[in-house]
């Protein structure tokens, strides 16, 4: 195998192959927040259906969601799966959002305190909080997911057992601390995981094949 690629080199190879991803697909920061909750253990196509249901009845609004009967909310977001649990989590996030005064007051908070405040919401873990920070509030916080661990481990960076925040800080120390870069990098990892770096990898045509320890295992 060739010399261990840096995270910057991996980013460039992925960007050269796939180009800009235009992620996160949402019309407002609040829609990003809703999507961040609904995408937990769900395919994005199903999240889009759930959000479309909320939009169709003009309920993509925190106060409207809080006024909604919990069972009705659960039914609307049913396509995203685990809909009863997610209805409670979404209501908790909306309550927090309203009580904190909405985007204005939240948007001027420092990143660290804002992250801690998000993590205080029931059902919001580190990955969901960082999705919201990066894509809704445009903060330079790298989003770590299972695809990230899989990809970096397969190309020789043994990070699979790193705790979430340790891995996040490890990545941030090695990648330019820019919102645009973090946005694209996370989206590119997701794209690559779907096209090649699956649990059972599809190595043919993979732009990272020469650097990957798993290359050719399924040949």
N, C-alpha and C. Protein backbone atom coordinates (compact mmCIF):
# COMPACT_ATOMS: atom_id res chain seq x y z
N UNK A 1 0.84 -1.19 0.00
CA UNK A 1 0.00 0.00 0.00
C UNK A 1 0.88 1.24 0.00
N UNK A 2 0.41 2.30 -0.67
CA UNK A 2 1.16 3.54 -0.74
C UNK A 2 1.17 4.25 0.60
N UNK A 3 1.97 5.31 0.67
CA UNK A 3 2.08 6.09 1.90
C UNK A 3 0.71 6.54 2.38
N UNK A 4 0.55 6.52 3.70
CA UNK A 4 -0.72 6.87 4.31
C UNK A 4 -1.18 8.26 3.84
N UNK A 5 -2.35 8.37 3.22
CA UNK A 5 -2.80 9.67 2.72
C UNK A 5 -3.23 10.58 3.87
N UNK A 6 -2.95 11.86 3.75
CA UNK A 6 -3.42 12.81 4.74
C UNK A 6 -4.92 13.06 4.54
N UNK A 7 -5.56 13.65 5.54
CA UNK A 7 -6.97 13.95 5.41
C UNK A 7 -7.22 14.99 4.33
N UNK A 8 -6.27 15.89 4.13
CA UNK A 8 -6.41 16.87 3.06
C UNK A 8 -6.33 16.20 1.69
N UNK A 9 -5.45 15.24 1.56
CA UNK A 9 -5.34 14.52 0.29
C UNK A 9 -6.61 13.72 0.01
N UNK A 10 -7.17 13.10 1.04
CA UNK A 10 -8.41 12.36 0.86
C UNK A 10 -9.54 13.29 0.40
N UNK A 11 -9.61 14.45 1.03
CA UNK A 11 -10.63 15.43 0.65
C UNK A 11 -10.49 15.81 -0.82
N UNK A 12 -9.28 16.10 -1.24
CA UNK A 12 -9.06 16.50 -2.63
C UNK A 12 -9.44 15.40 -3.61
N UNK A 13 -9.10 14.16 -3.28
CA UNK A 13 -9.45 13.05 -4.18
C UNK A 13 -10.96 12.87 -4.28
N UNK A 14 -11.64 13.00 -3.15
CA UNK A 14 -13.10 12.87 -3.17
C UNK A 14 -13.74 14.03 -3.92
N UNK A 15 -13.23 15.23 -3.68
CA UNK A 15 -13.80 16.40 -4.37
C UNK A 15 -13.56 16.31 -5.87
N UNK A 16 -12.37 15.88 -6.25
CA UNK A 16 -12.06 15.75 -7.68
C UNK A 16 -12.99 14.74 -8.35
N UNK A 17 -13.38 13.70 -7.62
CA UNK A 17 -14.25 12.67 -8.21
C UNK A 17 -15.71 13.13 -8.25
N UNK A 18 -16.20 13.65 -7.12
CA UNK A 18 -17.64 13.89 -7.00
C UNK A 18 -18.07 15.34 -7.18
N UNK A 19 -17.14 16.28 -6.98
CA UNK A 19 -17.50 17.69 -7.09
C UNK A 19 -18.29 18.18 -5.90
N UNK A 20 -18.72 19.46 -5.92
CA UNK A 20 -19.48 20.02 -4.80
C UNK A 20 -20.82 19.32 -4.63
N UNK A 21 -21.22 19.11 -3.38
CA UNK A 21 -22.42 18.33 -3.09
C UNK A 21 -23.67 19.16 -2.78
N UNK A 22 -23.49 20.44 -2.46
CA UNK A 22 -24.66 21.28 -2.19
C UNK A 22 -25.46 20.84 -0.99
N UNK A 23 -24.77 20.35 0.02
CA UNK A 23 -25.41 19.85 1.22
C UNK A 23 -25.36 20.92 2.29
N UNK A 24 -26.33 21.16 3.10
CA UNK A 24 -27.51 20.40 3.47
C UNK A 24 -28.70 20.91 2.69
N UNK A 25 -29.53 20.06 2.08
CA UNK A 25 -30.66 20.54 1.29
C UNK A 25 -31.81 21.01 2.18
N UNK A 26 -31.91 22.32 2.41
CA UNK A 26 -32.97 22.89 3.24
C UNK A 26 -33.16 24.34 2.86
N UNK A 27 -34.37 24.85 3.08
CA UNK A 27 -34.68 26.23 2.75
C UNK A 27 -34.40 27.19 3.89
N UNK A 28 -34.40 26.70 5.13
CA UNK A 28 -34.19 27.55 6.29
C UNK A 28 -33.33 26.82 7.31
N UNK A 29 -32.69 27.57 8.23
CA UNK A 29 -31.94 26.91 9.31
C UNK A 29 -32.82 26.01 10.16
N UNK A 30 -34.07 26.42 10.39
CA UNK A 30 -34.94 25.57 11.20
C UNK A 30 -35.22 24.25 10.48
N UNK A 31 -35.36 24.28 9.18
CA UNK A 31 -35.56 23.04 8.43
C UNK A 31 -34.36 22.12 8.57
N UNK A 32 -33.15 22.70 8.62
CA UNK A 32 -31.95 21.90 8.88
C UNK A 32 -32.06 21.21 10.22
N UNK A 33 -32.52 21.93 11.23
CA UNK A 33 -32.62 21.38 12.57
C UNK A 33 -33.61 20.22 12.61
N UNK A 34 -34.73 20.40 11.95
CA UNK A 34 -35.72 19.32 11.88
C UNK A 34 -35.12 18.11 11.18
N UNK A 35 -34.46 18.34 10.07
CA UNK A 35 -33.84 17.24 9.34
C UNK A 35 -32.78 16.52 10.14
N UNK A 36 -32.04 17.26 10.97
CA UNK A 36 -30.99 16.65 11.77
C UNK A 36 -31.56 15.66 12.78
N UNK A 37 -32.74 15.96 13.31
CA UNK A 37 -33.40 15.02 14.22
C UNK A 37 -33.98 13.84 13.45
N UNK A 38 -34.64 14.11 12.35
CA UNK A 38 -35.32 13.05 11.61
C UNK A 38 -34.36 12.10 10.92
N UNK A 39 -33.15 12.55 10.61
CA UNK A 39 -32.21 11.68 9.88
C UNK A 39 -31.53 10.66 10.78
N UNK A 40 -31.77 10.72 12.08
CA UNK A 40 -31.20 9.73 12.98
C UNK A 40 -31.72 8.33 12.59
N UNK A 41 -30.80 7.44 12.21
CA UNK A 41 -31.16 6.07 11.82
C UNK A 41 -32.19 6.04 10.68
N UNK A 42 -32.01 6.93 9.72
CA UNK A 42 -32.96 6.98 8.60
C UNK A 42 -32.24 7.37 7.32
N UNK A 43 -32.75 6.86 6.21
CA UNK A 43 -32.26 7.27 4.89
C UNK A 43 -32.78 8.67 4.59
N UNK A 44 -31.96 9.48 3.95
CA UNK A 44 -32.36 10.86 3.70
C UNK A 44 -33.61 10.95 2.84
N UNK A 45 -33.80 10.03 1.92
CA UNK A 45 -35.00 10.05 1.07
C UNK A 45 -36.26 9.97 1.91
N UNK A 46 -36.21 9.21 3.01
CA UNK A 46 -37.37 9.10 3.90
C UNK A 46 -37.54 10.36 4.74
N UNK A 47 -36.43 10.99 5.11
CA UNK A 47 -36.51 12.26 5.83
C UNK A 47 -37.17 13.32 4.95
N UNK A 48 -36.81 13.35 3.68
CA UNK A 48 -37.41 14.32 2.76
C UNK A 48 -38.92 14.14 2.69
N UNK A 49 -39.38 12.90 2.71
CA UNK A 49 -40.83 12.65 2.68
C UNK A 49 -41.50 13.18 3.94
N UNK A 50 -40.85 12.98 5.08
CA UNK A 50 -41.41 13.46 6.35
C UNK A 50 -41.48 14.99 6.36
N UNK A 51 -40.40 15.64 5.92
CA UNK A 51 -40.39 17.10 5.88
C UNK A 51 -41.43 17.62 4.89
N UNK A 52 -41.58 16.95 3.77
CA UNK A 52 -42.60 17.34 2.79
C UNK A 52 -43.99 17.26 3.41
N UNK A 53 -44.24 16.26 4.25
CA UNK A 53 -45.53 16.15 4.94
C UNK A 53 -45.78 17.36 5.83
N UNK A 54 -44.75 17.79 6.56
CA UNK A 54 -44.89 18.97 7.42
C UNK A 54 -45.13 20.23 6.60
N UNK A 55 -44.41 20.35 5.49
CA UNK A 55 -44.59 21.53 4.64
C UNK A 55 -45.99 21.56 4.02
N UNK A 56 -46.50 20.40 3.67
CA UNK A 56 -47.78 20.32 2.97
C UNK A 56 -48.92 20.87 3.82
N UNK A 57 -48.79 20.79 5.14
CA UNK A 57 -49.83 21.30 6.03
C UNK A 57 -49.36 22.56 6.77
N UNK A 58 -48.29 23.18 6.25
CA UNK A 58 -47.76 24.43 6.79
C UNK A 58 -47.39 24.31 8.27
N UNK A 59 -46.68 23.23 8.60
CA UNK A 59 -46.31 22.98 9.99
C UNK A 59 -44.80 22.93 10.21
N UNK A 60 -44.04 23.42 9.24
CA UNK A 60 -42.59 23.43 9.42
C UNK A 60 -42.21 24.72 10.16
N UNK A 61 -42.66 24.79 11.40
CA UNK A 61 -42.48 25.97 12.25
C UNK A 61 -42.46 25.48 13.69
N UNK A 62 -41.55 25.96 14.53
CA UNK A 62 -41.42 25.42 15.88
C UNK A 62 -42.67 25.58 16.73
N UNK A 63 -43.31 26.74 16.67
CA UNK A 63 -44.51 26.94 17.48
C UNK A 63 -45.67 26.11 16.97
N UNK A 64 -45.77 25.95 15.66
CA UNK A 64 -46.83 25.13 15.09
C UNK A 64 -46.65 23.67 15.48
N UNK A 65 -45.40 23.20 15.49
CA UNK A 65 -45.13 21.83 15.89
C UNK A 65 -45.47 21.62 17.36
N UNK A 66 -45.16 22.59 18.19
CA UNK A 66 -45.46 22.47 19.62
C UNK A 66 -46.96 22.47 19.89
N UNK A 67 -47.73 23.14 19.04
CA UNK A 67 -49.18 23.19 19.21
C UNK A 67 -49.88 21.95 18.67
N UNK A 68 -49.13 21.13 17.96
CA UNK A 68 -49.71 19.97 17.30
C UNK A 68 -49.89 18.81 18.28
N UNK A 69 -50.95 18.05 18.09
CA UNK A 69 -51.13 16.84 18.88
C UNK A 69 -49.97 15.88 18.62
N UNK A 70 -49.36 15.32 19.66
CA UNK A 70 -48.18 14.45 19.47
C UNK A 70 -48.42 13.29 18.51
N UNK A 71 -49.60 12.72 18.55
CA UNK A 71 -49.88 11.61 17.64
C UNK A 71 -49.97 12.07 16.20
N UNK A 72 -50.50 13.27 15.99
CA UNK A 72 -50.58 13.83 14.65
C UNK A 72 -49.17 14.11 14.12
N UNK A 73 -48.33 14.67 15.00
CA UNK A 73 -46.93 14.92 14.59
C UNK A 73 -46.24 13.62 14.24
N UNK A 74 -46.42 12.60 15.06
CA UNK A 74 -45.80 11.31 14.78
C UNK A 74 -46.25 10.75 13.44
N UNK A 75 -47.52 10.92 13.13
CA UNK A 75 -48.04 10.41 11.87
C UNK A 75 -47.43 11.15 10.67
N UNK A 76 -47.26 12.45 10.82
CA UNK A 76 -46.69 13.24 9.73
C UNK A 76 -45.24 12.86 9.44
N UNK A 77 -44.49 12.54 10.48
CA UNK A 77 -43.07 12.22 10.29
C UNK A 77 -42.83 10.72 10.20
N UNK A 78 -43.89 9.95 10.07
CA UNK A 78 -43.79 8.48 10.01
C UNK A 78 -42.76 7.98 9.00
N UNK A 79 -42.65 8.59 7.80
CA UNK A 79 -41.68 8.06 6.83
C UNK A 79 -40.24 8.00 7.34
N UNK A 80 -39.89 8.82 8.32
CA UNK A 80 -38.50 8.86 8.81
C UNK A 80 -38.18 7.72 9.77
N UNK A 81 -39.19 6.93 10.15
CA UNK A 81 -38.96 5.81 11.06
C UNK A 81 -38.85 6.25 12.51
N UNK A 82 -39.08 5.29 13.43
CA UNK A 82 -39.02 5.60 14.88
C UNK A 82 -39.81 6.88 15.17
N UNK A 83 -40.98 6.97 14.55
CA UNK A 83 -41.68 8.25 14.50
C UNK A 83 -42.20 8.72 15.85
N UNK A 84 -42.57 7.80 16.75
CA UNK A 84 -43.03 8.23 18.07
C UNK A 84 -41.88 8.83 18.88
N UNK A 85 -40.72 8.17 18.83
CA UNK A 85 -39.54 8.69 19.53
C UNK A 85 -39.11 10.02 18.92
N UNK A 86 -39.09 10.09 17.61
CA UNK A 86 -38.64 11.31 16.95
C UNK A 86 -39.62 12.46 17.15
N UNK A 87 -40.90 12.15 17.28
CA UNK A 87 -41.88 13.21 17.57
C UNK A 87 -41.57 13.85 18.91
N UNK A 88 -41.22 13.05 19.90
CA UNK A 88 -40.86 13.60 21.21
C UNK A 88 -39.56 14.40 21.13
N UNK A 89 -38.59 13.87 20.40
CA UNK A 89 -37.32 14.58 20.26
C UNK A 89 -37.49 15.89 19.51
N UNK A 90 -38.29 15.87 18.48
CA UNK A 90 -38.52 17.08 17.71
C UNK A 90 -39.25 18.13 18.54
N UNK A 91 -40.22 17.69 19.33
CA UNK A 91 -40.93 18.62 20.21
C UNK A 91 -39.98 19.21 21.24
N UNK A 92 -39.08 18.39 21.77
CA UNK A 92 -38.12 18.88 22.76
C UNK A 92 -37.20 19.94 22.14
N UNK A 93 -36.76 19.70 20.91
CA UNK A 93 -35.90 20.66 20.22
C UNK A 93 -36.66 21.96 19.94
N UNK A 94 -37.92 21.84 19.52
CA UNK A 94 -38.72 23.03 19.24
C UNK A 94 -38.95 23.84 20.52
N UNK A 95 -39.21 23.15 21.61
CA UNK A 95 -39.42 23.84 22.89
C UNK A 95 -38.16 24.60 23.30
N UNK A 96 -37.03 23.95 23.16
CA UNK A 96 -35.75 24.59 23.46
C UNK A 96 -35.53 25.80 22.56
N UNK A 97 -35.81 25.65 21.29
CA UNK A 97 -35.61 26.71 20.30
C UNK A 97 -36.46 27.93 20.65
N UNK A 98 -37.72 27.70 20.97
CA UNK A 98 -38.62 28.80 21.30
C UNK A 98 -38.23 29.46 22.61
N UNK A 99 -37.93 28.64 23.62
CA UNK A 99 -37.56 29.18 24.93
C UNK A 99 -36.28 30.00 24.88
N UNK A 100 -35.39 29.66 23.96
CA UNK A 100 -34.13 30.38 23.81
C UNK A 100 -34.25 31.62 22.94
N UNK A 101 -35.44 31.84 22.39
CA UNK A 101 -35.66 33.06 21.61
C UNK A 101 -35.48 32.92 20.12
N UNK A 102 -35.22 31.71 19.63
CA UNK A 102 -35.11 31.49 18.19
C UNK A 102 -33.72 31.78 17.64
N UNK A 103 -33.66 31.96 16.33
CA UNK A 103 -32.37 32.07 15.64
C UNK A 103 -31.56 33.29 16.06
N UNK A 104 -32.23 34.38 16.35
CA UNK A 104 -31.50 35.60 16.68
C UNK A 104 -30.58 35.42 17.87
N UNK A 105 -31.13 35.17 19.06
CA UNK A 105 -30.28 34.98 20.25
C UNK A 105 -29.34 33.77 20.13
N UNK A 106 -29.81 32.69 19.54
CA UNK A 106 -28.96 31.51 19.40
C UNK A 106 -27.80 31.78 18.44
N UNK A 107 -28.07 32.54 17.40
CA UNK A 107 -27.06 32.79 16.39
C UNK A 107 -25.88 33.61 16.85
N UNK A 108 -26.02 34.34 17.96
CA UNK A 108 -24.91 35.16 18.44
C UNK A 108 -24.15 34.47 19.58
N UNK A 109 -24.57 33.28 19.96
CA UNK A 109 -23.85 32.55 20.99
C UNK A 109 -22.52 32.04 20.45
N UNK A 110 -21.52 31.94 21.31
CA UNK A 110 -20.26 31.32 20.94
C UNK A 110 -20.51 29.83 20.65
N UNK A 111 -19.66 29.27 19.81
CA UNK A 111 -19.89 27.89 19.37
C UNK A 111 -19.89 26.89 20.53
N UNK A 112 -18.94 27.01 21.44
CA UNK A 112 -18.88 26.07 22.56
C UNK A 112 -20.14 26.07 23.40
N UNK A 113 -20.58 27.23 23.91
CA UNK A 113 -21.82 27.27 24.69
C UNK A 113 -23.04 26.84 23.89
N UNK A 114 -23.09 27.18 22.61
CA UNK A 114 -24.22 26.77 21.78
C UNK A 114 -24.26 25.25 21.64
N UNK A 115 -23.10 24.64 21.47
CA UNK A 115 -23.04 23.18 21.37
C UNK A 115 -23.50 22.53 22.68
N UNK A 116 -23.05 23.07 23.80
CA UNK A 116 -23.47 22.53 25.09
C UNK A 116 -24.98 22.69 25.28
N UNK A 117 -25.51 23.82 24.82
CA UNK A 117 -26.95 24.04 24.93
C UNK A 117 -27.73 23.03 24.08
N UNK A 118 -27.25 22.77 22.89
CA UNK A 118 -27.90 21.77 22.04
C UNK A 118 -27.85 20.38 22.67
N UNK A 119 -26.72 20.05 23.25
CA UNK A 119 -26.57 18.73 23.85
C UNK A 119 -27.44 18.56 25.09
N UNK A 120 -27.94 19.66 25.63
CA UNK A 120 -28.83 19.57 26.79
C UNK A 120 -30.25 19.18 26.40
N UNK A 121 -30.55 19.22 25.11
CA UNK A 121 -31.88 18.86 24.62
C UNK A 121 -32.00 17.34 24.55
N UNK A 122 -33.04 16.81 25.12
CA UNK A 122 -33.22 15.36 25.12
C UNK A 122 -33.34 14.83 23.69
N UNK A 123 -32.51 13.85 23.37
CA UNK A 123 -32.53 13.26 22.04
C UNK A 123 -31.54 13.87 21.07
N UNK A 124 -30.82 14.91 21.51
CA UNK A 124 -29.79 15.52 20.66
C UNK A 124 -28.42 15.08 21.15
N UNK A 125 -27.78 14.20 20.37
CA UNK A 125 -26.45 13.74 20.70
C UNK A 125 -25.40 14.53 19.94
N UNK A 126 -24.13 14.17 20.08
CA UNK A 126 -23.06 14.94 19.43
C UNK A 126 -23.20 15.07 17.92
N UNK A 127 -23.55 13.99 17.24
CA UNK A 127 -23.64 14.08 15.78
C UNK A 127 -24.77 15.00 15.35
N UNK A 128 -25.93 14.88 16.00
CA UNK A 128 -27.06 15.75 15.67
C UNK A 128 -26.74 17.20 15.99
N UNK A 129 -26.12 17.43 17.14
CA UNK A 129 -25.74 18.80 17.52
C UNK A 129 -24.78 19.39 16.50
N UNK A 130 -23.82 18.60 16.05
CA UNK A 130 -22.83 19.12 15.10
C UNK A 130 -23.43 19.32 13.71
N UNK A 131 -24.40 18.48 13.32
CA UNK A 131 -25.14 18.74 12.09
C UNK A 131 -25.77 20.13 12.14
N UNK A 132 -26.41 20.43 13.26
CA UNK A 132 -27.09 21.71 13.42
C UNK A 132 -26.09 22.86 13.45
N UNK A 133 -24.99 22.67 14.18
CA UNK A 133 -23.98 23.73 14.25
C UNK A 133 -23.40 24.05 12.88
N UNK A 134 -23.05 23.01 12.13
CA UNK A 134 -22.39 23.21 10.84
C UNK A 134 -23.35 23.75 9.79
N UNK A 135 -24.51 23.10 9.67
CA UNK A 135 -25.38 23.39 8.54
C UNK A 135 -26.45 24.45 8.81
N UNK A 136 -26.87 24.61 10.07
CA UNK A 136 -27.86 25.63 10.39
C UNK A 136 -27.21 26.93 10.87
N UNK A 137 -26.14 26.80 11.68
CA UNK A 137 -25.50 27.98 12.25
C UNK A 137 -24.15 28.31 11.60
N UNK A 138 -23.73 27.48 10.65
CA UNK A 138 -22.50 27.74 9.87
C UNK A 138 -21.28 27.91 10.76
N UNK A 139 -21.11 26.98 11.69
CA UNK A 139 -19.95 26.98 12.57
C UNK A 139 -18.96 25.92 12.10
N UNK A 140 -17.65 26.18 12.21
CA UNK A 140 -16.65 25.21 11.75
C UNK A 140 -16.49 24.05 12.72
N UNK A 141 -17.47 23.17 12.71
CA UNK A 141 -17.48 21.98 13.55
C UNK A 141 -17.64 20.77 12.63
N UNK A 142 -16.72 19.83 12.69
CA UNK A 142 -16.78 18.69 11.78
C UNK A 142 -17.79 17.67 12.31
N UNK A 143 -18.62 17.17 11.40
CA UNK A 143 -19.62 16.16 11.75
C UNK A 143 -19.02 14.77 11.56
N UNK A 144 -19.00 14.00 12.62
CA UNK A 144 -18.47 12.63 12.58
C UNK A 144 -19.64 11.65 12.54
N UNK A 145 -19.62 10.75 11.59
CA UNK A 145 -20.63 9.70 11.55
C UNK A 145 -19.96 8.35 11.30
N UNK A 146 -20.77 7.31 11.18
CA UNK A 146 -20.22 5.96 10.99
C UNK A 146 -19.44 5.87 9.69
N UNK A 147 -19.86 6.61 8.66
CA UNK A 147 -19.15 6.60 7.39
C UNK A 147 -17.74 7.17 7.55
N UNK A 148 -17.61 8.21 8.37
CA UNK A 148 -16.30 8.82 8.61
C UNK A 148 -15.35 7.81 9.23
N UNK A 149 -15.81 7.12 10.26
CA UNK A 149 -14.97 6.13 10.93
C UNK A 149 -14.56 5.01 9.96
N UNK A 150 -15.51 4.56 9.17
CA UNK A 150 -15.24 3.47 8.23
C UNK A 150 -14.20 3.88 7.19
N UNK A 151 -14.40 5.04 6.60
CA UNK A 151 -13.50 5.49 5.54
C UNK A 151 -12.08 5.71 6.06
N UNK A 152 -11.94 6.48 7.12
CA UNK A 152 -10.62 6.80 7.61
C UNK A 152 -9.88 5.55 8.09
N UNK A 153 -10.61 4.62 8.70
CA UNK A 153 -9.98 3.38 9.16
C UNK A 153 -9.51 2.54 7.99
N UNK A 154 -10.30 2.49 6.94
CA UNK A 154 -9.94 1.65 5.80
C UNK A 154 -8.72 2.16 5.04
N UNK A 155 -8.49 3.45 5.10
CA UNK A 155 -7.30 3.98 4.40
C UNK A 155 -6.10 4.08 5.33
N UNK A 156 -6.20 3.52 6.54
CA UNK A 156 -5.04 3.42 7.40
C UNK A 156 -5.00 4.27 8.64
N UNK A 157 -5.99 5.15 8.81
CA UNK A 157 -6.07 5.96 10.03
C UNK A 157 -6.94 5.19 11.03
N UNK A 158 -6.33 4.56 12.00
CA UNK A 158 -7.05 3.66 12.90
C UNK A 158 -7.81 4.45 13.96
N UNK A 159 -8.98 4.95 13.56
CA UNK A 159 -9.75 5.84 14.43
C UNK A 159 -11.08 5.22 14.87
N UNK A 160 -11.29 3.98 14.52
CA UNK A 160 -12.59 3.36 14.76
C UNK A 160 -13.06 3.38 16.19
N UNK A 161 -12.12 3.31 17.15
CA UNK A 161 -12.50 3.26 18.56
C UNK A 161 -12.37 4.60 19.27
N UNK A 162 -12.02 5.64 18.55
CA UNK A 162 -11.90 6.96 19.18
C UNK A 162 -13.28 7.41 19.68
N UNK A 163 -13.38 7.95 20.89
CA UNK A 163 -14.64 8.59 21.31
C UNK A 163 -15.00 9.71 20.35
N UNK A 164 -16.28 10.01 20.24
CA UNK A 164 -16.76 10.97 19.24
C UNK A 164 -15.97 12.27 19.27
N UNK A 165 -15.91 12.93 20.43
CA UNK A 165 -15.29 14.25 20.47
C UNK A 165 -13.78 14.20 20.25
N UNK A 166 -13.14 13.11 20.64
CA UNK A 166 -11.70 12.96 20.38
C UNK A 166 -11.47 12.87 18.88
N UNK A 167 -12.29 12.09 18.19
CA UNK A 167 -12.15 11.96 16.75
C UNK A 167 -12.46 13.28 16.04
N UNK A 168 -13.49 13.97 16.49
CA UNK A 168 -13.83 15.26 15.88
C UNK A 168 -12.66 16.24 15.99
N UNK A 169 -12.07 16.35 17.16
CA UNK A 169 -10.95 17.27 17.34
C UNK A 169 -9.71 16.82 16.57
N UNK A 170 -9.54 15.51 16.46
CA UNK A 170 -8.42 14.97 15.68
C UNK A 170 -8.55 15.37 14.21
N UNK A 171 -9.76 15.29 13.68
CA UNK A 171 -10.00 15.68 12.29
C UNK A 171 -9.83 17.19 12.12
N UNK A 172 -10.40 17.95 13.04
CA UNK A 172 -10.35 19.40 12.92
C UNK A 172 -8.92 19.94 12.97
N UNK A 173 -8.03 19.21 13.63
CA UNK A 173 -6.63 19.62 13.70
C UNK A 173 -5.89 19.34 12.40
N UNK A 174 -6.51 18.56 11.50
CA UNK A 174 -5.83 18.14 10.27
C UNK A 174 -6.49 18.65 9.00
N UNK A 175 -7.59 19.34 9.14
CA UNK A 175 -8.32 19.86 7.98
C UNK A 175 -8.54 21.36 8.20
N UNK A 176 -8.38 22.18 7.15
CA UNK A 176 -8.58 23.62 7.32
C UNK A 176 -9.89 23.94 8.03
N UNK A 177 -9.82 24.76 9.06
CA UNK A 177 -10.99 25.05 9.88
C UNK A 177 -11.90 26.06 9.17
N UNK A 178 -12.59 25.58 8.16
CA UNK A 178 -13.47 26.42 7.35
C UNK A 178 -14.82 25.73 7.20
N UNK A 179 -15.88 26.49 7.37
CA UNK A 179 -17.23 25.94 7.27
C UNK A 179 -17.44 25.27 5.91
N UNK A 180 -17.02 25.93 4.84
CA UNK A 180 -17.24 25.38 3.50
C UNK A 180 -16.54 24.04 3.33
N UNK A 181 -15.32 23.93 3.83
CA UNK A 181 -14.56 22.68 3.71
C UNK A 181 -15.21 21.58 4.54
N UNK A 182 -15.58 21.88 5.77
CA UNK A 182 -16.22 20.87 6.63
C UNK A 182 -17.54 20.41 6.02
N UNK A 183 -18.28 21.37 5.48
CA UNK A 183 -19.56 21.05 4.83
C UNK A 183 -19.33 20.06 3.69
N UNK A 184 -18.42 20.42 2.79
CA UNK A 184 -18.17 19.57 1.63
C UNK A 184 -17.58 18.21 2.04
N UNK A 185 -16.65 18.23 2.97
CA UNK A 185 -15.97 16.99 3.35
C UNK A 185 -16.97 15.97 3.89
N UNK A 186 -17.81 16.42 4.81
CA UNK A 186 -18.81 15.52 5.38
C UNK A 186 -19.73 14.98 4.29
N UNK A 187 -20.21 15.86 3.41
CA UNK A 187 -21.10 15.44 2.34
C UNK A 187 -20.41 14.48 1.37
N UNK A 188 -19.14 14.73 1.08
CA UNK A 188 -18.38 13.86 0.18
C UNK A 188 -18.18 12.48 0.79
N UNK A 189 -17.93 12.42 2.09
CA UNK A 189 -17.78 11.12 2.76
C UNK A 189 -19.07 10.33 2.65
N UNK A 190 -20.20 11.00 2.87
CA UNK A 190 -21.49 10.31 2.75
C UNK A 190 -21.70 9.81 1.33
N UNK A 191 -21.40 10.66 0.36
CA UNK A 191 -21.56 10.26 -1.06
C UNK A 191 -20.67 9.06 -1.37
N UNK A 192 -19.43 9.11 -0.93
CA UNK A 192 -18.49 8.03 -1.22
C UNK A 192 -18.91 6.74 -0.53
N UNK A 193 -19.44 6.86 0.68
CA UNK A 193 -19.87 5.66 1.41
C UNK A 193 -21.03 4.97 0.69
N UNK A 194 -21.86 5.75 0.07
CA UNK A 194 -23.01 5.16 -0.63
C UNK A 194 -22.59 4.53 -1.96
N UNK A 195 -21.59 5.11 -2.60
CA UNK A 195 -21.19 4.62 -3.92
C UNK A 195 -20.13 3.53 -3.87
N UNK A 196 -19.21 3.62 -2.91
CA UNK A 196 -18.10 2.66 -2.87
C UNK A 196 -17.83 2.08 -1.48
N UNK A 197 -17.71 2.95 -0.48
CA UNK A 197 -17.23 2.50 0.83
C UNK A 197 -18.37 2.00 1.70
N UNK A 198 -19.05 0.98 1.19
CA UNK A 198 -20.16 0.37 1.92
C UNK A 198 -19.60 -0.63 2.93
N UNK A 199 -20.48 -1.21 3.73
CA UNK A 199 -20.02 -2.24 4.66
C UNK A 199 -19.30 -3.34 3.89
N UNK A 200 -19.87 -3.72 2.76
CA UNK A 200 -19.18 -4.60 1.82
C UNK A 200 -18.75 -3.72 0.65
N UNK A 201 -17.50 -3.30 0.61
CA UNK A 201 -17.08 -2.25 -0.32
C UNK A 201 -17.18 -2.65 -1.79
N UNK A 202 -17.47 -1.65 -2.62
CA UNK A 202 -17.44 -1.81 -4.06
C UNK A 202 -16.18 -1.10 -4.56
N UNK A 203 -15.13 -1.86 -4.77
CA UNK A 203 -13.81 -1.27 -5.00
C UNK A 203 -13.57 -0.82 -6.44
N UNK A 204 -14.25 -1.42 -7.38
CA UNK A 204 -14.01 -1.08 -8.77
C UNK A 204 -14.34 0.39 -9.03
N UNK A 205 -13.37 1.13 -9.51
CA UNK A 205 -13.58 2.54 -9.82
C UNK A 205 -13.48 3.47 -8.62
N UNK A 206 -13.13 2.96 -7.47
CA UNK A 206 -13.05 3.78 -6.26
C UNK A 206 -11.86 4.75 -6.36
N UNK A 207 -12.07 6.04 -6.11
CA UNK A 207 -10.97 7.00 -6.22
C UNK A 207 -9.92 6.85 -5.12
N UNK A 208 -10.23 6.06 -4.09
CA UNK A 208 -9.28 5.86 -2.99
C UNK A 208 -8.72 4.44 -2.97
N UNK A 209 -8.94 3.68 -4.02
CA UNK A 209 -8.58 2.27 -4.03
C UNK A 209 -7.10 2.03 -3.72
N UNK A 210 -6.21 2.85 -4.27
CA UNK A 210 -4.78 2.62 -4.07
C UNK A 210 -4.35 2.83 -2.63
N UNK A 211 -5.13 3.59 -1.87
CA UNK A 211 -4.78 3.85 -0.48
C UNK A 211 -5.50 2.95 0.51
N UNK A 212 -6.44 2.13 0.02
CA UNK A 212 -7.35 1.41 0.91
C UNK A 212 -6.86 0.02 1.26
N UNK A 213 -6.92 -0.31 2.53
CA UNK A 213 -6.52 -1.63 2.98
C UNK A 213 -7.54 -2.70 2.64
N UNK A 214 -8.77 -2.28 2.30
CA UNK A 214 -9.83 -3.24 1.98
C UNK A 214 -9.94 -3.51 0.49
N UNK A 215 -9.19 -2.76 -0.32
CA UNK A 215 -9.33 -2.86 -1.78
C UNK A 215 -9.16 -4.29 -2.25
N UNK A 216 -10.10 -4.74 -3.07
CA UNK A 216 -10.00 -6.05 -3.69
C UNK A 216 -10.46 -7.21 -2.83
N UNK A 217 -10.91 -6.97 -1.62
CA UNK A 217 -11.30 -8.10 -0.77
C UNK A 217 -12.52 -8.85 -1.29
N UNK A 218 -13.33 -8.14 -2.06
CA UNK A 218 -14.55 -8.78 -2.58
C UNK A 218 -14.38 -9.21 -4.03
N UNK A 219 -13.15 -9.14 -4.51
CA UNK A 219 -12.92 -9.52 -5.92
C UNK A 219 -13.08 -11.01 -6.10
